[in-house]
């Protein structure tokens, strides 16, 4: 593994090294990260989604200052689209969080936890360490 957390990986037909930075927010930018239990559960469920779907977690953090967004730095094989990866992470974590914390179901009239939109950026060999450091230090 490289110092920045990414490593050279292989599939049957491809050798790759990828770093993908995702950021998403709760629907209507609700401040849901008000206690440590929700923060830790969010990290746990996003991590489970990643591990169960042939992705590799490099870094994850929830913004503890604004209390309204999640940063994930992940690697996944080239056969997976970024939209598939974020849908997996957001969908799994949303279902599990709303089951564990029922008050999250009643934040608004729609039955969704996360906003539909998200940020996605890729990293090269030089900037991956910068993204990882940023995520780890984004707590405020």
N, C-alpha and C. Protein backbone atom coordinates (compact mmCIF):
# COMPACT_ATOMS: atom_id res chain seq x y z
N UNK A 1 0.84 -1.18 0.00
CA UNK A 1 0.00 0.00 0.00
C UNK A 1 0.88 1.24 0.00
N UNK A 2 0.48 2.22 -0.79
CA UNK A 2 1.22 3.47 -0.84
C UNK A 2 0.93 4.30 0.40
N UNK A 3 1.75 5.28 0.62
CA UNK A 3 1.60 6.16 1.78
C UNK A 3 0.25 6.87 1.79
N UNK A 4 -0.31 7.17 0.60
CA UNK A 4 -1.58 7.89 0.53
C UNK A 4 -2.80 7.00 0.72
N UNK A 5 -2.60 5.69 0.89
CA UNK A 5 -3.71 4.78 1.13
C UNK A 5 -4.15 4.00 -0.08
N UNK A 6 -3.79 4.45 -1.28
CA UNK A 6 -4.18 3.71 -2.48
C UNK A 6 -3.12 2.65 -2.77
N UNK A 7 -3.55 1.62 -3.43
CA UNK A 7 -2.60 0.58 -3.80
C UNK A 7 -2.93 0.06 -5.18
N UNK A 8 -1.95 -0.53 -5.81
CA UNK A 8 -2.12 -1.14 -7.12
C UNK A 8 -2.92 -2.42 -6.93
N UNK A 9 -4.02 -2.55 -7.68
CA UNK A 9 -4.87 -3.73 -7.57
C UNK A 9 -5.08 -4.30 -8.96
N UNK A 10 -5.55 -5.53 -9.00
CA UNK A 10 -5.76 -6.19 -10.28
C UNK A 10 -7.10 -6.91 -10.33
N UNK A 11 -7.69 -6.89 -11.51
CA UNK A 11 -8.81 -7.76 -11.81
C UNK A 11 -8.29 -8.72 -12.88
N UNK A 12 -9.14 -9.51 -13.43
CA UNK A 12 -8.70 -10.49 -14.43
C UNK A 12 -8.07 -9.82 -15.65
N UNK A 13 -8.60 -8.67 -16.04
CA UNK A 13 -8.14 -8.01 -17.26
C UNK A 13 -7.53 -6.63 -17.05
N UNK A 14 -7.37 -6.22 -15.82
CA UNK A 14 -6.98 -4.83 -15.60
C UNK A 14 -6.17 -4.69 -14.31
N UNK A 15 -5.16 -3.86 -14.36
CA UNK A 15 -4.45 -3.43 -13.17
C UNK A 15 -4.80 -1.96 -12.98
N UNK A 16 -5.18 -1.59 -11.77
CA UNK A 16 -5.65 -0.22 -11.55
C UNK A 16 -5.24 0.30 -10.18
N UNK A 17 -5.29 1.59 -10.09
CA UNK A 17 -5.07 2.29 -8.83
C UNK A 17 -6.02 3.48 -8.87
N UNK A 18 -7.05 3.45 -8.05
CA UNK A 18 -8.05 4.51 -8.13
C UNK A 18 -8.33 5.08 -6.75
N UNK A 19 -8.59 6.36 -6.74
CA UNK A 19 -9.01 7.03 -5.53
C UNK A 19 -10.19 7.93 -5.87
N UNK A 20 -11.29 7.74 -5.16
CA UNK A 20 -12.52 8.50 -5.44
C UNK A 20 -12.98 9.16 -4.16
N UNK A 21 -13.16 10.46 -4.22
CA UNK A 21 -13.61 11.25 -3.07
C UNK A 21 -15.07 11.60 -3.29
N UNK A 22 -15.93 11.15 -2.37
CA UNK A 22 -17.35 11.44 -2.42
C UNK A 22 -17.74 12.29 -1.21
N UNK A 23 -18.65 13.22 -1.44
CA UNK A 23 -19.24 14.00 -0.35
C UNK A 23 -20.73 14.05 -0.60
N UNK A 24 -21.53 13.77 0.43
CA UNK A 24 -22.97 13.93 0.30
C UNK A 24 -23.55 14.49 1.58
N UNK A 25 -24.76 15.00 1.46
CA UNK A 25 -25.42 15.68 2.57
C UNK A 25 -26.78 15.04 2.84
N UNK A 26 -27.32 15.26 4.03
CA UNK A 26 -28.69 14.82 4.30
C UNK A 26 -29.69 15.63 3.47
N UNK A 27 -30.84 15.04 3.21
CA UNK A 27 -31.91 15.71 2.48
C UNK A 27 -32.24 17.03 3.17
N UNK A 28 -32.36 18.09 2.38
CA UNK A 28 -32.62 19.45 2.88
C UNK A 28 -31.56 19.93 3.86
N UNK A 29 -30.39 19.34 3.77
CA UNK A 29 -29.22 19.70 4.57
C UNK A 29 -29.50 19.74 6.08
N UNK A 30 -30.31 18.79 6.54
CA UNK A 30 -30.62 18.68 7.97
C UNK A 30 -29.34 18.39 8.75
N UNK A 31 -29.24 18.92 9.92
CA UNK A 31 -28.08 18.71 10.79
C UNK A 31 -28.32 17.45 11.61
N UNK A 32 -28.00 16.28 11.02
CA UNK A 32 -28.32 15.01 11.69
C UNK A 32 -27.18 14.49 12.57
N UNK A 33 -25.97 15.00 12.40
CA UNK A 33 -24.83 14.46 13.14
C UNK A 33 -24.65 15.21 14.46
N UNK A 34 -25.65 15.09 15.30
CA UNK A 34 -25.69 15.83 16.56
C UNK A 34 -25.14 15.03 17.74
N UNK A 35 -24.97 13.73 17.55
CA UNK A 35 -24.41 12.94 18.66
C UNK A 35 -23.47 11.87 18.11
N UNK A 36 -22.64 11.38 18.98
CA UNK A 36 -21.60 10.42 18.60
C UNK A 36 -22.19 9.10 18.09
N UNK A 37 -23.33 8.70 18.60
CA UNK A 37 -23.95 7.43 18.18
C UNK A 37 -24.31 7.47 16.69
N UNK A 38 -24.89 8.55 16.23
CA UNK A 38 -25.25 8.67 14.81
C UNK A 38 -24.01 8.77 13.95
N UNK A 39 -23.01 9.49 14.41
CA UNK A 39 -21.76 9.62 13.65
C UNK A 39 -21.09 8.27 13.48
N UNK A 40 -20.95 7.53 14.56
CA UNK A 40 -20.30 6.22 14.50
C UNK A 40 -21.12 5.23 13.69
N UNK A 41 -22.44 5.26 13.81
CA UNK A 41 -23.29 4.36 13.03
C UNK A 41 -23.18 4.68 11.54
N UNK A 42 -23.12 5.94 11.20
CA UNK A 42 -22.97 6.34 9.79
C UNK A 42 -21.67 5.78 9.23
N UNK A 43 -20.59 5.96 9.95
CA UNK A 43 -19.30 5.43 9.50
C UNK A 43 -19.35 3.91 9.38
N UNK A 44 -19.96 3.26 10.35
CA UNK A 44 -20.04 1.79 10.34
C UNK A 44 -20.84 1.29 9.14
N UNK A 45 -21.99 1.89 8.86
CA UNK A 45 -22.84 1.41 7.78
C UNK A 45 -22.25 1.72 6.40
N UNK A 46 -21.63 2.87 6.25
CA UNK A 46 -20.96 3.17 4.98
C UNK A 46 -19.81 2.19 4.77
N UNK A 47 -19.06 1.91 5.82
CA UNK A 47 -17.96 0.95 5.74
C UNK A 47 -18.47 -0.44 5.38
N UNK A 48 -19.56 -0.88 5.99
CA UNK A 48 -20.14 -2.19 5.65
C UNK A 48 -20.54 -2.25 4.18
N UNK A 49 -21.16 -1.19 3.68
CA UNK A 49 -21.56 -1.16 2.27
C UNK A 49 -20.35 -1.28 1.36
N UNK A 50 -19.28 -0.61 1.71
CA UNK A 50 -18.05 -0.65 0.92
C UNK A 50 -17.46 -2.05 0.93
N UNK A 51 -17.30 -2.62 2.12
CA UNK A 51 -16.68 -3.93 2.26
C UNK A 51 -17.50 -5.04 1.60
N UNK A 52 -18.80 -4.90 1.59
CA UNK A 52 -19.67 -5.94 1.01
C UNK A 52 -19.84 -5.83 -0.50
N UNK A 53 -19.21 -4.82 -1.12
CA UNK A 53 -19.42 -4.58 -2.55
C UNK A 53 -18.14 -4.37 -3.32
N UNK A 54 -17.08 -5.08 -2.95
CA UNK A 54 -15.84 -5.10 -3.72
C UNK A 54 -15.18 -3.73 -3.85
N UNK A 55 -15.37 -2.90 -2.82
CA UNK A 55 -14.70 -1.61 -2.78
C UNK A 55 -13.73 -1.63 -1.60
N UNK A 56 -12.85 -0.64 -1.56
CA UNK A 56 -11.89 -0.56 -0.47
C UNK A 56 -11.94 0.84 0.14
N UNK A 57 -12.19 0.91 1.44
CA UNK A 57 -12.23 2.18 2.15
C UNK A 57 -10.81 2.68 2.41
N UNK A 58 -10.56 3.93 2.09
CA UNK A 58 -9.27 4.55 2.38
C UNK A 58 -9.43 5.51 3.56
N UNK A 59 -10.49 6.31 3.55
CA UNK A 59 -10.76 7.22 4.67
C UNK A 59 -12.24 7.58 4.68
N UNK A 60 -12.75 7.85 5.88
CA UNK A 60 -14.14 8.29 6.02
C UNK A 60 -14.21 9.24 7.21
N UNK A 61 -15.03 10.27 7.05
CA UNK A 61 -15.25 11.19 8.16
C UNK A 61 -16.57 11.91 7.97
N UNK A 62 -17.17 12.26 9.08
CA UNK A 62 -18.40 13.04 9.11
C UNK A 62 -18.04 14.41 9.62
N UNK A 63 -18.57 15.45 9.00
CA UNK A 63 -18.26 16.80 9.44
C UNK A 63 -18.93 17.07 10.79
N UNK A 64 -18.12 17.24 11.81
CA UNK A 64 -18.63 17.45 13.16
C UNK A 64 -18.88 18.92 13.47
N UNK A 65 -18.45 19.81 12.60
CA UNK A 65 -18.67 21.24 12.81
C UNK A 65 -20.02 21.65 12.22
N UNK A 66 -20.20 21.41 10.93
CA UNK A 66 -21.46 21.75 10.27
C UNK A 66 -22.55 20.71 10.54
N UNK A 67 -22.13 19.50 10.92
CA UNK A 67 -23.02 18.38 11.25
C UNK A 67 -23.94 17.98 10.10
N UNK A 68 -23.47 18.17 8.85
CA UNK A 68 -24.39 17.89 7.75
C UNK A 68 -23.74 17.31 6.50
N UNK A 69 -22.58 16.71 6.58
CA UNK A 69 -22.09 16.01 5.39
C UNK A 69 -21.08 14.93 5.72
N UNK A 70 -20.96 14.00 4.77
CA UNK A 70 -20.11 12.82 4.90
C UNK A 70 -19.05 12.88 3.81
N UNK A 71 -17.81 12.60 4.18
CA UNK A 71 -16.70 12.47 3.22
C UNK A 71 -16.28 11.01 3.19
N UNK A 72 -16.11 10.46 2.00
CA UNK A 72 -15.61 9.09 1.85
C UNK A 72 -14.55 9.10 0.76
N UNK A 73 -13.42 8.48 1.06
CA UNK A 73 -12.34 8.28 0.08
C UNK A 73 -12.24 6.79 -0.11
N UNK A 74 -12.50 6.31 -1.32
CA UNK A 74 -12.66 4.89 -1.58
C UNK A 74 -12.01 4.52 -2.91
N UNK A 75 -11.66 3.26 -3.03
CA UNK A 75 -11.17 2.71 -4.29
C UNK A 75 -12.13 1.60 -4.72
N UNK A 76 -12.39 1.55 -6.01
CA UNK A 76 -13.23 0.46 -6.54
C UNK A 76 -12.77 0.10 -7.94
N UNK A 77 -13.07 -1.11 -8.37
CA UNK A 77 -12.59 -1.58 -9.68
C UNK A 77 -13.23 -0.80 -10.83
N UNK A 78 -12.55 -0.76 -11.97
CA UNK A 78 -13.03 0.02 -13.11
C UNK A 78 -14.37 -0.45 -13.68
N UNK A 79 -14.80 -1.65 -13.39
CA UNK A 79 -16.09 -2.11 -13.90
C UNK A 79 -17.26 -1.45 -13.17
N UNK A 80 -16.98 -0.81 -12.03
CA UNK A 80 -18.02 -0.14 -11.26
C UNK A 80 -18.04 1.35 -11.60
N UNK A 81 -19.23 1.87 -11.81
CA UNK A 81 -19.39 3.29 -12.06
C UNK A 81 -19.41 4.05 -10.74
N UNK A 82 -18.99 5.30 -10.76
CA UNK A 82 -19.04 6.12 -9.56
C UNK A 82 -20.47 6.25 -9.06
N UNK A 83 -21.42 6.38 -9.97
CA UNK A 83 -22.82 6.49 -9.57
C UNK A 83 -23.31 5.22 -8.87
N UNK A 84 -22.82 4.06 -9.29
CA UNK A 84 -23.18 2.82 -8.61
C UNK A 84 -22.58 2.79 -7.21
N UNK A 85 -21.31 3.19 -7.09
CA UNK A 85 -20.63 3.16 -5.80
C UNK A 85 -21.34 4.06 -4.79
N UNK A 86 -21.67 5.28 -5.17
CA UNK A 86 -22.31 6.20 -4.22
C UNK A 86 -23.74 5.76 -3.92
N UNK A 87 -24.43 5.19 -4.88
CA UNK A 87 -25.79 4.68 -4.63
C UNK A 87 -25.75 3.56 -3.61
N UNK A 88 -24.78 2.68 -3.72
CA UNK A 88 -24.62 1.58 -2.76
C UNK A 88 -24.37 2.14 -1.35
N UNK A 89 -23.42 3.07 -1.23
CA UNK A 89 -23.07 3.62 0.08
C UNK A 89 -24.24 4.39 0.70
N UNK A 90 -24.87 5.24 -0.08
CA UNK A 90 -25.96 6.06 0.43
C UNK A 90 -27.20 5.21 0.73
N UNK A 91 -27.53 4.28 -0.15
CA UNK A 91 -28.72 3.46 0.03
C UNK A 91 -28.64 2.57 1.26
N UNK A 92 -27.53 1.87 1.39
CA UNK A 92 -27.35 0.96 2.52
C UNK A 92 -27.34 1.74 3.83
N UNK A 93 -26.56 2.81 3.89
CA UNK A 93 -26.46 3.57 5.13
C UNK A 93 -27.79 4.22 5.49
N UNK A 94 -28.53 4.71 4.51
CA UNK A 94 -29.83 5.33 4.78
C UNK A 94 -30.80 4.33 5.40
N UNK A 95 -30.90 3.15 4.81
CA UNK A 95 -31.81 2.14 5.36
C UNK A 95 -31.44 1.77 6.78
N UNK A 96 -30.16 1.50 7.00
CA UNK A 96 -29.72 1.05 8.32
C UNK A 96 -29.85 2.15 9.38
N UNK A 97 -29.50 3.38 9.02
CA UNK A 97 -29.60 4.48 9.99
C UNK A 97 -31.05 4.75 10.38
N UNK A 98 -31.97 4.71 9.40
CA UNK A 98 -33.37 4.96 9.72
C UNK A 98 -33.98 3.82 10.53
N UNK A 99 -33.45 2.62 10.40
CA UNK A 99 -33.91 1.52 11.25
C UNK A 99 -33.40 1.69 12.68
N UNK A 100 -32.14 2.07 12.83
CA UNK A 100 -31.54 2.20 14.16
C UNK A 100 -31.99 3.47 14.88
N UNK A 101 -32.21 4.54 14.13
CA UNK A 101 -32.61 5.82 14.72
C UNK A 101 -33.93 6.26 14.09
N UNK A 102 -35.06 5.79 14.62
CA UNK A 102 -36.36 6.06 14.00
C UNK A 102 -36.69 7.54 13.83
N UNK A 103 -36.13 8.41 14.66
CA UNK A 103 -36.42 9.84 14.50
C UNK A 103 -35.90 10.39 13.17
N UNK A 104 -34.96 9.70 12.53
CA UNK A 104 -34.46 10.14 11.23
C UNK A 104 -35.50 9.97 10.12
N UNK A 105 -36.51 9.12 10.37
CA UNK A 105 -37.58 8.93 9.38
C UNK A 105 -38.52 10.14 9.34
N UNK A 106 -38.56 10.89 10.43
CA UNK A 106 -39.54 11.96 10.57
C UNK A 106 -38.95 13.36 10.41
N UNK A 107 -37.82 13.47 9.75
CA UNK A 107 -37.20 14.78 9.58
C UNK A 107 -37.96 15.64 8.57
N UNK A 108 -38.66 15.00 7.65
CA UNK A 108 -39.39 15.70 6.61
C UNK A 108 -40.39 14.74 6.00
N UNK A 109 -41.20 15.23 5.09
CA UNK A 109 -42.28 14.42 4.52
C UNK A 109 -41.81 13.30 3.60
N UNK A 110 -40.64 13.44 3.00
CA UNK A 110 -40.13 12.40 2.10
C UNK A 110 -39.42 11.32 2.90
N UNK A 111 -39.48 10.10 2.42
CA UNK A 111 -38.85 8.99 3.14
C UNK A 111 -37.43 8.74 2.61
N UNK A 112 -36.59 9.75 2.67
CA UNK A 112 -35.21 9.57 2.29
C UNK A 112 -34.35 10.33 3.29
N UNK A 113 -33.17 9.78 3.52
CA UNK A 113 -32.25 10.43 4.46
C UNK A 113 -31.29 11.35 3.74
N UNK A 114 -30.73 10.87 2.61
CA UNK A 114 -29.70 11.63 1.90
C UNK A 114 -30.30 12.40 0.72
N UNK A 115 -29.71 13.54 0.42
CA UNK A 115 -30.07 14.30 -0.79
C UNK A 115 -29.66 13.48 -2.01
N UNK A 116 -30.33 13.69 -3.12
CA UNK A 116 -30.00 12.96 -4.34
C UNK A 116 -28.62 13.33 -4.88
N UNK A 117 -28.21 14.56 -4.69
CA UNK A 117 -26.94 15.03 -5.25
C UNK A 117 -25.74 14.60 -4.40
N UNK A 118 -24.57 14.68 -5.00
CA UNK A 118 -23.33 14.36 -4.30
C UNK A 118 -22.17 14.97 -5.07
N UNK A 119 -21.03 15.06 -4.40
CA UNK A 119 -19.79 15.48 -5.05
C UNK A 119 -18.95 14.23 -5.31
N UNK A 120 -18.29 14.20 -6.46
CA UNK A 120 -17.37 13.10 -6.78
C UNK A 120 -16.12 13.69 -7.41
N UNK A 121 -14.98 13.35 -6.87
CA UNK A 121 -13.71 13.76 -7.45
C UNK A 121 -12.76 12.58 -7.45
N UNK A 122 -11.92 12.51 -8.46
CA UNK A 122 -10.93 11.44 -8.51
C UNK A 122 -9.58 12.02 -8.15
N UNK A 123 -8.70 11.16 -7.69
CA UNK A 123 -7.37 11.61 -7.31
C UNK A 123 -6.33 10.94 -8.17
N UNK A 124 -5.25 11.64 -8.38
CA UNK A 124 -4.09 11.08 -9.05
C UNK A 124 -3.07 10.66 -7.99
N UNK A 125 -1.94 10.21 -8.44
CA UNK A 125 -0.92 9.75 -7.50
C UNK A 125 -0.44 10.86 -6.57
N UNK A 126 -0.41 12.08 -7.03
CA UNK A 126 0.12 13.17 -6.22
C UNK A 126 -0.90 13.67 -5.21
N UNK A 127 -2.16 13.79 -5.58
CA UNK A 127 -3.13 14.45 -4.72
C UNK A 127 -3.89 13.52 -3.78
N UNK A 128 -3.71 12.23 -3.87
CA UNK A 128 -4.46 11.31 -3.01
C UNK A 128 -4.17 11.55 -1.53
N UNK A 129 -2.92 11.79 -1.18
CA UNK A 129 -2.57 12.04 0.22
C UNK A 129 -3.25 13.32 0.72
N UNK A 130 -3.34 14.31 -0.13
CA UNK A 130 -3.98 15.56 0.25
C UNK A 130 -5.45 15.34 0.57
N UNK A 131 -6.15 14.56 -0.27
CA UNK A 131 -7.56 14.28 -0.03
C UNK A 131 -7.72 13.49 1.27
N UNK A 132 -6.90 12.49 1.47
CA UNK A 132 -6.99 11.68 2.68
C UNK A 132 -6.78 12.55 3.92
N UNK A 133 -5.78 13.39 3.92
CA UNK A 133 -5.50 14.27 5.06
C UNK A 133 -6.66 15.21 5.29
N UNK A 134 -7.23 15.76 4.21
CA UNK A 134 -8.36 16.67 4.31
C UNK A 134 -9.55 15.98 4.97
N UNK A 135 -9.86 14.76 4.55
CA UNK A 135 -10.99 14.02 5.12
C UNK A 135 -10.75 13.75 6.60
N UNK A 136 -9.56 13.30 6.94
CA UNK A 136 -9.26 12.97 8.32
C UNK A 136 -9.27 14.20 9.22
N UNK A 137 -8.98 15.37 8.65
CA UNK A 137 -8.91 16.58 9.46
C UNK A 137 -10.14 17.47 9.33
N UNK A 138 -11.17 17.02 8.62
CA UNK A 138 -12.33 17.89 8.36
C UNK A 138 -13.28 17.99 9.54
N UNK A 139 -12.90 17.47 10.67
CA UNK A 139 -13.77 17.52 11.84
C UNK A 139 -13.94 18.94 12.37
N UNK A 140 -13.19 19.86 11.88
CA UNK A 140 -13.38 21.23 12.31
C UNK A 140 -12.16 21.74 12.92
